[in-house]
Amino acid sequence: ALLPGETSPDARAFRLLKELKLVRVGLYPD
C-alpha cells in the first residue's frame, strides 16, 4: 500500500525513504 508497484528490495527501501514527511519542527534558540 505504501509502495505500489515496487518489487526490488533496494527500490522499495529508497522509495520508503522518499515517503518520510516532515511532521514537526522544534526550535531551541537559547
All heavy atoms as atom14 arrays in JSON, in Angstrom:
{
  "sequence": "ALLPGETSPDARAFRLLKELKLVRVGLYPD",
  "atom14_mask": [
    [1, 1, 1, 1, 1, 0, 0, 0, 0, 0, 0, 0, 0, 0],
    [1, 1, 1, 1, 1, 1, 1, 1, 0, 0, 0, 0, 0, 0],
    [1, 1, 1, 1, 1, 1, 1, 1, 0, 0, 0, 0, 0, 0],
    [1, 1, 1, 1, 1, 1, 1, 0, 0, 0, 0, 0, 0, 0],
    [1, 1, 1, 1, 0, 0, 0, 0, 0, 0, 0, 0, 0, 0],
    [1, 1, 1, 1, 1, 1, 1, 1, 1, 0, 0, 0, 0, 0],
    [1, 1, 1, 1, 1, 1, 1, 0, 0, 0, 0, 0, 0, 0],
    [1, 1, 1, 1, 1, 1, 0, 0, 0, 0, 0, 0, 0, 0],
    [1, 1, 1, 1, 1, 1, 1, 0, 0, 0, 0, 0, 0, 0],
    [1, 1, 1, 1, 1, 1, 1, 1, 0, 0, 0, 0, 0, 0],
    [1, 1, 1, 1, 1, 0, 0, 0, 0, 0, 0, 0, 0, 0],
    [1, 1, 1, 1, 1, 1, 1, 1, 1, 1, 1, 0, 0, 0],
    [1, 1, 1, 1, 1, 0, 0, 0, 0, 0, 0, 0, 0, 0],
    [1, 1, 1, 1, 1, 1, 1, 1, 1, 1, 1, 0, 0, 0],
    [1, 1, 1, 1, 1, 1, 1, 1, 1, 1, 1, 0, 0, 0],
    [1, 1, 1, 1, 1, 1, 1, 1, 0, 0, 0, 0, 0, 0],
    [1, 1, 1, 1, 1, 1, 1, 1, 0, 0, 0, 0, 0, 0],
    [1, 1, 1, 1, 1, 1, 1, 1, 1, 0, 0, 0, 0, 0],
    [1, 1, 1, 1, 1, 1, 1, 1, 1, 0, 0, 0, 0, 0],
    [1, 1, 1, 1, 1, 1, 1, 1, 0, 0, 0, 0, 0, 0],
    [1, 1, 1, 1, 1, 1, 1, 1, 1, 0, 0, 0, 0, 0],
    [1, 1, 1, 1, 1, 1, 1, 1, 0, 0, 0, 0, 0, 0],
    [1, 1, 1, 1, 1, 1, 1, 0, 0, 0, 0, 0, 0, 0],
    [1, 1, 1, 1, 1, 1, 1, 1, 1, 1, 1, 0, 0, 0],
    [1, 1, 1, 1, 1, 1, 1, 0, 0, 0, 0, 0, 0, 0],
    [1, 1, 1, 1, 0, 0, 0, 0, 0, 0, 0, 0, 0, 0],
    [1, 1, 1, 1, 1, 1, 1, 1, 0, 0, 0, 0, 0, 0],
    [1, 1, 1, 1, 1, 1, 1, 1, 1, 1, 1, 1, 0, 0],
    [1, 1, 1, 1, 1, 1, 1, 0, 0, 0, 0, 0, 0, 0],
    [1, 1, 1, 1, 1, 1, 1, 1, 0, 0, 0, 0, 0, 0]
  ],
  "atom14_positions": [
    [[0.84, -1.21, 0.0], [0.0, 0.0, 0.0], [0.87, 1.26, 0.0], [0.56, 2.25, -0.66], [-0.93, 0.0, 1.21], [0.0, 0.0, 0.0], [0.0, 0.0, 0.0], [0.0, 0.0, 0.0], [0.0, 0.0, 0.0], [0.0, 0.0, 0.0], [0.0, 0.0, 0.0], [0.0, 0.0, 0.0], [0.0, 0.0, 0.0], [0.0, 0.0, 0.0]],
    [[1.96, 1.2, 0.74], [2.89, 2.34, 0.79], [3.72, 2.46, -0.48], [4.08, 3.56, -0.89], [3.86, 2.17, 1.97], [3.48, 2.71, 3.33], [4.51, 2.3, 4.36], [3.29, 4.21, 3.31], [0.0, 0.0, 0.0], [0.0, 0.0, 0.0], [0.0, 0.0, 0.0], [0.0, 0.0, 0.0], [0.0, 0.0, 0.0], [0.0, 0.0, 0.0]],
    [[4.05, 1.33, -1.07], [4.99, 1.28, -2.19], [4.39, 0.55, -3.39], [4.9, -0.49, -3.81], [6.27, 0.57, -1.75], [6.91, 1.06, -0.47], [7.98, 0.1, 0.0], [7.49, 2.44, -0.68], [0.0, 0.0, 0.0], [0.0, 0.0, 0.0], [0.0, 0.0, 0.0], [0.0, 0.0, 0.0], [0.0, 0.0, 0.0], [0.0, 0.0, 0.0]],
    [[3.3, 1.06, -3.94], [2.67, 0.33, -5.05], [3.62, 0.18, -6.23], [4.31, 1.13, -6.62], [1.46, 1.2, -5.41], [1.77, 2.55, -4.86], [2.68, 2.34, -3.68], [0.0, 0.0, 0.0], [0.0, 0.0, 0.0], [0.0, 0.0, 0.0], [0.0, 0.0, 0.0], [0.0, 0.0, 0.0], [0.0, 0.0, 0.0], [0.0, 0.0, 0.0]],
    [[3.69, -1.03, -6.76], [4.49, -1.27, -7.97], [5.97, -1.51, -7.75], [6.68, -1.86, -8.67], [0.0, 0.0, 0.0], [0.0, 0.0, 0.0], [0.0, 0.0, 0.0], [0.0, 0.0, 0.0], [0.0, 0.0, 0.0], [0.0, 0.0, 0.0], [0.0, 0.0, 0.0], [0.0, 0.0, 0.0], [0.0, 0.0, 0.0], [0.0, 0.0, 0.0]],
    [[6.46, -1.29, -6.52], [7.89, -1.5, -6.25], [8.1, -2.95, -5.82], [7.44, -3.44, -4.93], [8.39, -0.57, -5.15], [8.32, 0.91, -5.47], [9.32, 1.35, -6.53], [10.13, 0.53, -6.99], [9.29, 2.52, -6.9], [0.0, 0.0, 0.0], [0.0, 0.0, 0.0], [0.0, 0.0, 0.0], [0.0, 0.0, 0.0], [0.0, 0.0, 0.0]],
    [[9.04, -3.63, -6.46], [9.3, -5.02, -6.09], [10.72, -5.25, -5.61], [10.96, -6.04, -4.71], [9.02, -5.96, -7.28], [9.77, -5.52, -8.4], [7.53, -5.99, -7.62], [0.0, 0.0, 0.0], [0.0, 0.0, 0.0], [0.0, 0.0, 0.0], [0.0, 0.0, 0.0], [0.0, 0.0, 0.0], [0.0, 0.0, 0.0], [0.0, 0.0, 0.0]],
    [[11.69, -4.55, -6.19], [13.08, -4.75, -5.78], [13.29, -4.22, -4.36], [12.84, -3.12, -4.03], [14.0, -4.05, -6.79], [14.95, -3.24, -6.15], [0.0, 0.0, 0.0], [0.0, 0.0, 0.0], [0.0, 0.0, 0.0], [0.0, 0.0, 0.0], [0.0, 0.0, 0.0], [0.0, 0.0, 0.0], [0.0, 0.0, 0.0], [0.0, 0.0, 0.0]],
    [[13.98, -4.99, -3.5], [14.22, -4.53, -2.13], [14.91, -3.16, -2.07], [14.54, -2.32, -1.25], [15.09, -5.62, -1.52], [14.77, -6.84, -2.32], [14.48, -6.36, -3.71], [0.0, 0.0, 0.0], [0.0, 0.0, 0.0], [0.0, 0.0, 0.0], [0.0, 0.0, 0.0], [0.0, 0.0, 0.0], [0.0, 0.0, 0.0], [0.0, 0.0, 0.0]],
    [[15.9, -2.94, -2.93], [16.6, -1.66, -2.91], [15.68, -0.52, -3.33], [15.68, 0.56, -2.72], [17.84, -1.68, -3.82], [18.97, -2.53, -3.24], [18.9, -2.87, -2.04], [19.91, -2.84, -3.99], [0.0, 0.0, 0.0], [0.0, 0.0, 0.0], [0.0, 0.0, 0.0], [0.0, 0.0, 0.0], [0.0, 0.0, 0.0], [0.0, 0.0, 0.0]],
    [[14.9, -0.74, -4.38], [13.97, 0.29, -4.84], [12.92, 0.57, -3.77], [12.55, 1.72, -3.54], [13.3, -0.14, -6.14], [0.0, 0.0, 0.0], [0.0, 0.0, 0.0], [0.0, 0.0, 0.0], [0.0, 0.0, 0.0], [0.0, 0.0, 0.0], [0.0, 0.0, 0.0], [0.0, 0.0, 0.0], [0.0, 0.0, 0.0], [0.0, 0.0, 0.0]],
    [[12.46, -0.48, -3.1], [11.46, -0.3, -2.04], [12.04, 0.51, -0.88], [11.37, 1.4, -0.35], [10.98, -1.65, -1.52], [10.1, -2.39, -2.49], [9.67, -3.7, -1.91], [8.21, -3.68, -1.84], [7.5, -4.54, -1.15], [8.09, -5.49, -0.46], [6.19, -4.46, -1.14], [0.0, 0.0, 0.0], [0.0, 0.0, 0.0], [0.0, 0.0, 0.0]],
    [[13.26, 0.21, -0.49], [13.89, 0.94, 0.62], [14.06, 2.41, 0.27], [13.75, 3.29, 1.07], [15.24, 0.31, 0.97], [0.0, 0.0, 0.0], [0.0, 0.0, 0.0], [0.0, 0.0, 0.0], [0.0, 0.0, 0.0], [0.0, 0.0, 0.0], [0.0, 0.0, 0.0], [0.0, 0.0, 0.0], [0.0, 0.0, 0.0], [0.0, 0.0, 0.0]],
    [[14.53, 2.68, -0.94], [14.74, 4.08, -1.34], [13.41, 4.8, -1.46], [13.28, 5.96, -1.06], [15.51, 4.15, -2.67], [16.07, 5.51, -2.93], [17.13, 6.0, -2.19], [15.52, 6.31, -3.92], [17.65, 7.27, -2.42], [16.02, 7.59, -4.16], [17.1, 8.06, -3.41], [0.0, 0.0, 0.0], [0.0, 0.0, 0.0], [0.0, 0.0, 0.0]],
    [[12.39, 4.12, -1.95], [11.06, 4.73, -2.07], [10.49, 5.02, -0.68], [9.85, 6.06, -0.46], [10.15, 3.8, -2.86], [8.72, 4.23, -2.96], [8.5, 5.33, -3.99], [7.14, 5.8, -3.94], [6.12, 5.2, -4.52], [6.3, 4.11, -5.23], [4.9, 5.68, -4.39], [0.0, 0.0, 0.0], [0.0, 0.0, 0.0], [0.0, 0.0, 0.0]],
    [[10.69, 4.12, 0.26], [10.23, 4.34, 1.64], [10.93, 5.56, 2.23], [10.29, 6.38, 2.9], [10.5, 3.09, 2.48], [9.58, 2.81, 3.64], [8.13, 2.81, 3.25], [9.95, 1.5, 4.31], [0.0, 0.0, 0.0], [0.0, 0.0, 0.0], [0.0, 0.0, 0.0], [0.0, 0.0, 0.0], [0.0, 0.0, 0.0], [0.0, 0.0, 0.0]],
    [[12.2, 5.69, 1.95], [12.95, 6.87, 2.39], [12.31, 8.14, 1.84], [12.16, 9.14, 2.56], [14.41, 6.75, 1.92], [15.31, 7.96, 2.12], [15.52, 8.25, 3.59], [16.65, 7.72, 1.44], [0.0, 0.0, 0.0], [0.0, 0.0, 0.0], [0.0, 0.0, 0.0], [0.0, 0.0, 0.0], [0.0, 0.0, 0.0], [0.0, 0.0, 0.0]],
    [[11.91, 8.12, 0.58], [11.28, 9.29, -0.05], [9.92, 9.61, 0.56], [9.43, 10.73, 0.45], [11.1, 9.05, -1.56], [12.39, 8.97, -2.33], [12.93, 10.33, -2.54], [14.04, 10.33, -3.57], [14.77, 11.57, -3.56], [0.0, 0.0, 0.0], [0.0, 0.0, 0.0], [0.0, 0.0, 0.0], [0.0, 0.0, 0.0], [0.0, 0.0, 0.0]],
    [[9.31, 8.61, 1.21], [7.99, 8.8, 1.82], [8.05, 9.46, 3.2], [7.02, 9.78, 3.78], [7.26, 7.45, 1.94], [6.83, 6.87, 0.61], [5.81, 7.74, -0.11], [4.89, 8.27, 0.54], [5.96, 7.91, -1.34], [0.0, 0.0, 0.0], [0.0, 0.0, 0.0], [0.0, 0.0, 0.0], [0.0, 0.0, 0.0], [0.0, 0.0, 0.0]],
    [[9.26, 9.64, 3.75], [9.37, 10.33, 5.05], [8.9, 11.76, 4.9], [9.34, 12.49, 4.0], [10.82, 10.31, 5.54], [11.37, 8.97, 6.0], [12.86, 9.07, 6.25], [10.65, 8.49, 7.25], [0.0, 0.0, 0.0], [0.0, 0.0, 0.0], [0.0, 0.0, 0.0], [0.0, 0.0, 0.0], [0.0, 0.0, 0.0], [0.0, 0.0, 0.0]],
    [[8.0, 12.18, 5.78], [7.42, 13.52, 5.71], [7.74, 14.3, 6.98], [7.78, 13.73, 8.08], [5.9, 13.44, 5.57], [5.42, 12.63, 4.39], [5.61, 13.35, 3.09], [4.97, 12.59, 1.96], [5.82, 12.37, 0.84], [0.0, 0.0, 0.0], [0.0, 0.0, 0.0], [0.0, 0.0, 0.0], [0.0, 0.0, 0.0], [0.0, 0.0, 0.0]],
    [[7.94, 15.59, 6.8], [8.15, 16.49, 7.94], [6.88, 16.55, 8.77], [5.8, 16.83, 8.23], [8.54, 17.88, 7.44], [8.84, 18.92, 8.5], [10.06, 18.53, 9.34], [9.08, 20.28, 7.84], [0.0, 0.0, 0.0], [0.0, 0.0, 0.0], [0.0, 0.0, 0.0], [0.0, 0.0, 0.0], [0.0, 0.0, 0.0], [0.0, 0.0, 0.0]],
    [[6.98, 16.28, 10.07], [5.81, 16.34, 10.95], [5.95, 17.38, 12.06], [4.96, 17.84, 12.61], [5.46, 14.96, 11.57], [5.03, 13.98, 10.49], [6.62, 14.39, 12.36], [0.0, 0.0, 0.0], [0.0, 0.0, 0.0], [0.0, 0.0, 0.0], [0.0, 0.0, 0.0], [0.0, 0.0, 0.0], [0.0, 0.0, 0.0], [0.0, 0.0, 0.0]],
    [[7.2, 17.75, 12.38], [7.41, 18.7, 13.48], [8.74, 19.42, 13.29], [9.71, 18.84, 12.83], [7.46, 17.96, 14.81], [7.8, 18.86, 15.99], [8.04, 18.07, 17.28], [8.65, 18.93, 18.26], [9.96, 19.0, 18.5], [10.81, 18.23, 17.86], [10.43, 19.83, 19.41], [0.0, 0.0, 0.0], [0.0, 0.0, 0.0], [0.0, 0.0, 0.0]],
    [[8.74, 20.7, 13.69], [9.98, 21.47, 13.8], [9.98, 22.11, 15.19], [9.04, 22.84, 15.54], [10.1, 22.58, 12.73], [11.41, 23.34, 12.9], [9.97, 22.0, 11.32], [0.0, 0.0, 0.0], [0.0, 0.0, 0.0], [0.0, 0.0, 0.0], [0.0, 0.0, 0.0], [0.0, 0.0, 0.0], [0.0, 0.0, 0.0], [0.0, 0.0, 0.0]],
    [[11.0, 21.81, 15.97], [11.16, 22.42, 17.29], [12.38, 23.3, 17.27], [13.44, 22.89, 16.8], [0.0, 0.0, 0.0], [0.0, 0.0, 0.0], [0.0, 0.0, 0.0], [0.0, 0.0, 0.0], [0.0, 0.0, 0.0], [0.0, 0.0, 0.0], [0.0, 0.0, 0.0], [0.0, 0.0, 0.0], [0.0, 0.0, 0.0], [0.0, 0.0, 0.0]],
    [[12.23, 24.54, 17.77], [13.35, 25.47, 17.83], [13.75, 25.7, 19.29], [12.89, 25.85, 20.16], [12.98, 26.82, 17.2], [13.16, 26.92, 15.7], [12.1, 26.11, 14.99], [13.1, 28.34, 15.25], [0.0, 0.0, 0.0], [0.0, 0.0, 0.0], [0.0, 0.0, 0.0], [0.0, 0.0, 0.0], [0.0, 0.0, 0.0], [0.0, 0.0, 0.0]],
    [[15.07, 25.72, 19.51], [15.65, 25.89, 20.85], [16.72, 26.98, 20.78], [17.91, 26.71, 20.96], [16.26, 24.56, 21.32], [15.31, 23.4, 21.19], [15.25, 22.65, 20.02], [14.45, 23.08, 22.23], [14.36, 21.6, 19.88], [13.55, 22.03, 22.1], [13.51, 21.3, 20.93], [12.62, 20.27, 20.8], [0.0, 0.0, 0.0], [0.0, 0.0, 0.0]],
    [[16.32, 28.22, 20.51], [17.3, 29.27, 20.22], [18.22, 29.64, 21.39], [19.29, 30.19, 21.17], [16.45, 30.47, 19.8], [15.07, 30.17, 20.26], [14.95, 28.7, 20.38], [0.0, 0.0, 0.0], [0.0, 0.0, 0.0], [0.0, 0.0, 0.0], [0.0, 0.0, 0.0], [0.0, 0.0, 0.0], [0.0, 0.0, 0.0], [0.0, 0.0, 0.0]],
    [[17.81, 29.33, 22.63], [18.68, 29.67, 23.76], [19.01, 28.46, 24.62], [19.32, 28.57, 25.8], [18.1, 30.83, 24.57], [16.79, 30.49, 25.28], [16.26, 29.37, 25.08], [16.29, 31.34, 26.04], [0.0, 0.0, 0.0], [0.0, 0.0, 0.0], [0.0, 0.0, 0.0], [0.0, 0.0, 0.0], [0.0, 0.0, 0.0], [0.0, 0.0, 0.0]]
  ]
}
